[in-house]
Amino acid sequence: MNQDLQEPMAETMPNIITAMSYLLQRVSETNDHLSQKQRISGFHGITKPSISIRSYLERIFKYANCSHSCYIVAYIYLDRFIKKQPFLLINSFSVHRFIITSVLVSAKFMDDLCYNNGYYAQVGGISKEEMNMLELDFLFGIGFQLNVTVSTFNNYYSFLQREMVMLTKMNSLFVEPSLSFRSSFETKLVMNTLEEDSLITHHSKKQLAAA
């Protein structure tokens, strides 16, 4: 990642994490109520985790010590997974495992040094064996498509910054969003091809945690 982006990103990351958690929460809650048939996978738990998505992401951010760019790339990987596996929707039973796995895969690909699977399993509240299995399932789920172009990264980062600004304009996260913001979550919420220039050209179409 461009070194010039590191310092401003460090300043905005806490708010980016908040925006990501809010978007993923809305995606999860919407998908919980979809009537279409959803395939169950290793990412789905028997019960919904008691920890909130925001607290979970903040915990990972605190203990994983991966580069800030990893969270943007993890978000990109989640999008790729959902597009390639349309029947494995992110919902309240699976979102936490998707998050920890996407960050793990991103850190391994992006950073020169990162913690091992056992450590990430502890951070994520799952066993090492489950972490190993989820990592493999995730890699196959995205077709081992790990490369992220600078253009794609900047598009996603810009999108999250805009969502962060929109959230900041609300009185609090508990205030009902505007109609334009809320409309992002009224469908299955699979991102269109946000690679390269598609965030600009397809921004009005429905996407995962984005519109």
Protein backbone atom coordinates (compact mmCIF):
# COMPACT_ATOMS: atom_id res chain seq x y z
CA MET A 1 0.00 0.00 0.00
CA ASN A 2 1.12 3.53 -0.68
CA GLN A 3 3.12 4.80 2.28
CA ASP A 4 1.45 8.20 1.95
CA LEU A 5 -1.86 6.59 2.85
CA GLN A 6 -0.63 5.03 6.09
CA GLU A 7 -0.74 8.09 8.34
CA PRO A 8 -4.21 9.38 7.36
CA MET A 9 -5.53 5.83 7.48
CA ALA A 10 -4.25 5.45 11.05
CA GLU A 11 -6.33 8.46 12.02
CA THR A 12 -9.53 7.20 10.39
CA MET A 13 -9.31 3.47 11.14
CA PRO A 14 -11.34 3.52 14.41
CA ASN A 15 -14.19 5.19 12.52
CA ILE A 16 -13.73 2.86 9.54
CA ILE A 17 -14.06 -0.11 11.91
CA THR A 18 -17.26 1.41 13.29
CA ALA A 19 -18.66 1.91 9.79
CA MET A 20 -17.74 -1.64 8.77
CA SER A 21 -19.39 -3.09 11.85
CA TYR A 22 -22.55 -1.08 11.30
CA LEU A 23 -22.79 -2.09 7.65
CA LEU A 24 -22.16 -5.76 8.40
CA GLN A 25 -24.72 -5.66 11.19
CA ARG A 26 -27.35 -4.31 8.83
CA VAL A 27 -26.44 -6.94 6.24
CA SER A 28 -26.69 -9.70 8.83
CA GLU A 29 -30.02 -8.55 10.19
CA THR A 30 -31.47 -8.21 6.69
CA ASN A 31 -30.28 -11.64 5.62
CA ASP A 32 -31.70 -13.15 8.82
CA HIS A 33 -35.17 -12.36 7.49
CA LEU A 34 -34.73 -13.49 3.90
CA SER A 35 -37.16 -16.21 2.95
CA GLN A 36 -34.95 -17.69 0.25
CA LYS A 37 -33.15 -20.94 0.89
CA GLN A 38 -29.74 -20.45 2.47
CA ARG A 39 -27.02 -23.07 2.52
CA ILE A 40 -25.47 -23.87 5.89
CA SER A 41 -21.68 -24.03 6.12
CA GLY A 42 -18.91 -24.22 8.68
CA PHE A 43 -19.22 -20.48 9.14
CA HIS A 44 -22.68 -20.84 10.67
CA GLY A 45 -22.92 -21.28 14.41
CA ILE A 46 -25.74 -23.03 16.25
CA THR A 47 -26.56 -19.84 18.16
CA LYS A 48 -25.88 -16.17 17.63
CA PRO A 49 -22.72 -14.98 19.43
CA SER A 50 -23.42 -12.76 22.41
CA ILE A 51 -20.70 -10.27 21.47
CA SER A 52 -21.79 -7.52 19.09
CA ILE A 53 -20.23 -7.19 15.66
CA ARG A 54 -18.76 -3.85 16.62
CA SER A 55 -17.18 -5.19 19.82
CA TYR A 56 -15.90 -8.21 17.93
CA LEU A 57 -14.22 -6.07 15.27
CA GLU A 58 -12.79 -3.78 17.93
CA ARG A 59 -11.38 -6.81 19.75
CA ILE A 60 -9.71 -8.04 16.56
CA PHE A 61 -8.40 -4.53 15.85
CA LYS A 62 -6.93 -4.35 19.35
CA TYR A 63 -5.23 -7.75 19.48
CA ALA A 64 -4.45 -8.81 15.90
CA ASN A 65 -1.90 -6.02 15.35
CA CYS A 66 -2.17 -6.36 11.60
CA SER A 67 -1.70 -3.43 9.24
CA HIS A 68 -4.66 -1.10 8.80
CA SER A 69 -4.93 -2.00 5.14
CA CYS A 70 -5.78 -5.57 6.16
CA TYR A 71 -9.26 -4.52 7.25
CA ILE A 72 -10.02 -2.93 3.90
CA VAL A 73 -8.71 -6.00 2.09
CA ALA A 74 -10.70 -8.27 4.42
CA TYR A 75 -13.81 -6.33 3.42
CA ILE A 76 -12.91 -6.87 -0.24
CA TYR A 77 -12.46 -10.60 0.40
CA LEU A 78 -15.87 -10.80 2.07
CA ASP A 79 -17.40 -9.20 -0.99
CA ARG A 80 -15.65 -11.67 -3.29
CA PHE A 81 -16.82 -14.60 -1.18
CA ILE A 82 -20.47 -13.53 -1.29
CA LYS A 83 -20.37 -12.95 -5.04
CA LYS A 84 -18.84 -16.38 -5.66
CA GLN A 85 -21.01 -18.17 -3.05
CA PRO A 86 -24.43 -16.46 -3.36
CA PHE A 87 -26.23 -19.04 -1.22
CA LEU A 88 -23.84 -18.62 1.72
CA LEU A 89 -25.17 -15.32 2.97
CA ILE A 90 -23.67 -13.38 5.84
CA ASN A 91 -26.17 -13.43 8.70
CA SER A 92 -26.11 -13.19 12.48
CA PHE A 93 -25.09 -16.83 12.79
CA SER A 94 -22.08 -16.56 10.49
CA VAL A 95 -20.86 -12.96 10.41
CA HIS A 96 -18.36 -13.31 13.28
CA ARG A 97 -16.62 -16.30 11.73
CA PHE A 98 -16.55 -14.58 8.37
CA ILE A 99 -14.93 -11.53 9.94
CA ILE A 100 -12.15 -13.32 11.83
CA THR A 101 -11.38 -15.53 8.84
CA SER A 102 -11.26 -12.69 6.34
CA VAL A 103 -8.91 -10.70 8.58
CA LEU A 104 -6.67 -13.75 9.08
CA VAL A 105 -6.44 -14.42 5.34
CA SER A 106 -5.86 -10.73 4.63
CA ALA A 107 -3.10 -10.44 7.24
CA LYS A 108 -1.29 -13.48 5.90
CA PHE A 109 -1.37 -12.09 2.39
CA MET A 110 -0.71 -8.41 3.15
CA ASP A 111 1.73 -8.38 6.07
CA ASP A 112 5.30 -9.63 6.25
CA LEU A 113 4.72 -10.80 9.81
CA CYS A 114 1.47 -11.94 11.37
CA TYR A 115 0.20 -14.14 14.19
CA ASN A 116 -0.53 -17.80 13.56
CA ASN A 117 -3.92 -19.49 13.34
CA GLY A 118 -3.86 -20.50 16.98
CA TYR A 119 -3.57 -16.88 18.07
CA TYR A 120 -6.34 -15.72 15.75
CA ALA A 121 -8.50 -18.55 17.05
CA GLN A 122 -8.04 -17.24 20.59
CA VAL A 123 -8.86 -13.71 19.51
CA GLY A 124 -11.93 -14.92 17.63
CA GLY A 125 -13.17 -17.23 20.36
CA ILE A 126 -12.98 -20.45 18.36
CA SER A 127 -10.70 -23.49 18.35
CA LYS A 128 -7.52 -23.70 16.31
CA GLU A 129 -8.97 -26.65 14.40
CA GLU A 130 -12.03 -24.62 13.46
CA MET A 131 -9.87 -21.67 12.45
CA ASN A 132 -7.83 -23.92 10.16
CA MET A 133 -10.99 -25.30 8.58
CA LEU A 134 -12.57 -21.87 8.09
CA GLU A 135 -9.41 -20.51 6.49
CA LEU A 136 -9.40 -23.32 3.95
CA ASP A 137 -13.14 -22.99 3.25
CA PHE A 138 -12.73 -19.24 2.81
CA LEU A 139 -9.83 -19.59 0.38
CA PHE A 140 -11.76 -22.05 -1.74
CA GLY A 141 -14.82 -19.82 -1.44
CA ILE A 142 -13.03 -16.87 -3.04
CA GLY A 143 -11.26 -19.11 -5.53
CA PHE A 144 -7.88 -18.18 -4.00
CA GLN A 145 -8.37 -14.73 -5.54
CA LEU A 146 -6.19 -12.79 -3.12
CA ASN A 147 -4.59 -10.09 -5.23
CA VAL A 148 -6.07 -6.61 -4.82
CA THR A 149 -5.15 -3.84 -7.22
CA VAL A 150 -4.40 -0.35 -5.99
CA SER A 151 -7.47 0.90 -7.84
CA THR A 152 -9.74 -1.66 -6.17
CA PHE A 153 -8.30 -0.92 -2.74
CA ASN A 154 -8.77 2.81 -3.17
CA ASN A 155 -12.36 2.33 -4.38
CA TYR A 156 -13.32 0.31 -1.31
CA TYR A 157 -11.46 2.60 1.06
CA SER A 158 -13.18 5.63 -0.43
CA PHE A 159 -16.55 3.92 -0.12
CA LEU A 160 -15.98 3.12 3.56
CA GLN A 161 -14.85 6.69 4.18
CA ARG A 162 -18.09 7.97 2.65
CA GLU A 163 -20.14 5.60 4.79
CA MET A 164 -18.14 6.75 7.82
CA VAL A 165 -18.99 10.38 7.05
CA MET A 166 -22.66 9.45 6.67
CA LEU A 167 -22.63 7.71 10.03
CA THR A 168 -20.87 10.66 11.63
CA LYS A 169 -23.65 12.95 10.44
CA MET A 170 -26.19 10.90 12.36
CA ASN A 171 -26.79 11.90 15.94
CA SER A 172 -25.82 8.36 16.97
CA LEU A 173 -25.67 4.88 15.53
CA PHE A 174 -29.15 4.31 16.94
CA VAL A 175 -30.75 7.04 14.85
CA GLU A 176 -32.63 5.65 11.86
CA PRO A 177 -30.59 6.30 8.69
CA SER A 178 -31.90 8.32 5.79
CA LEU A 179 -33.87 6.62 3.04
CA SER A 180 -30.92 6.66 0.66
CA PHE A 181 -28.70 5.01 3.27
CA ARG A 182 -31.37 2.51 4.33
CA SER A 183 -32.04 1.43 0.75
CA SER A 184 -28.59 -0.18 0.72
CA PHE A 185 -29.94 -3.03 2.81
CA GLU A 186 -33.27 -3.88 1.20
CA THR A 187 -32.01 -6.70 -1.02
CA LYS A 188 -29.73 -9.71 -0.71
CA LEU A 189 -26.88 -7.19 -0.54
CA VAL A 190 -24.37 -8.80 -2.82
CA MET A 191 -21.89 -6.25 -4.11
CA ASN A 192 -21.65 -5.85 -7.85
CA THR A 193 -18.21 -6.09 -9.38
CA LEU A 194 -16.56 -3.43 -7.27
CA GLU A 195 -13.19 -4.32 -8.73
CA GLU A 196 -11.44 -1.50 -10.53
CA ASP A 197 -13.93 1.22 -11.55
CA SER A 198 -17.22 -0.49 -10.68
CA LEU A 199 -17.76 1.35 -7.39
CA ILE A 200 -18.04 4.51 -9.44
CA THR A 201 -20.02 3.11 -12.35
CA HIS A 202 -22.36 0.81 -10.40
CA HIS A 203 -22.69 2.69 -7.14
CA SER A 204 -26.48 2.90 -7.49
CA LYS A 205 -26.86 -0.90 -7.65
CA LYS A 206 -27.25 -3.15 -4.63
CA GLN A 207 -24.11 -4.44 -2.96
CA LEU A 208 -22.92 -6.27 0.14
CA ALA A 209 -22.86 -3.76 2.99
CA ALA A 210 -22.75 -1.04 0.40
CA ALA A 211 -24.86 0.56 -2.25
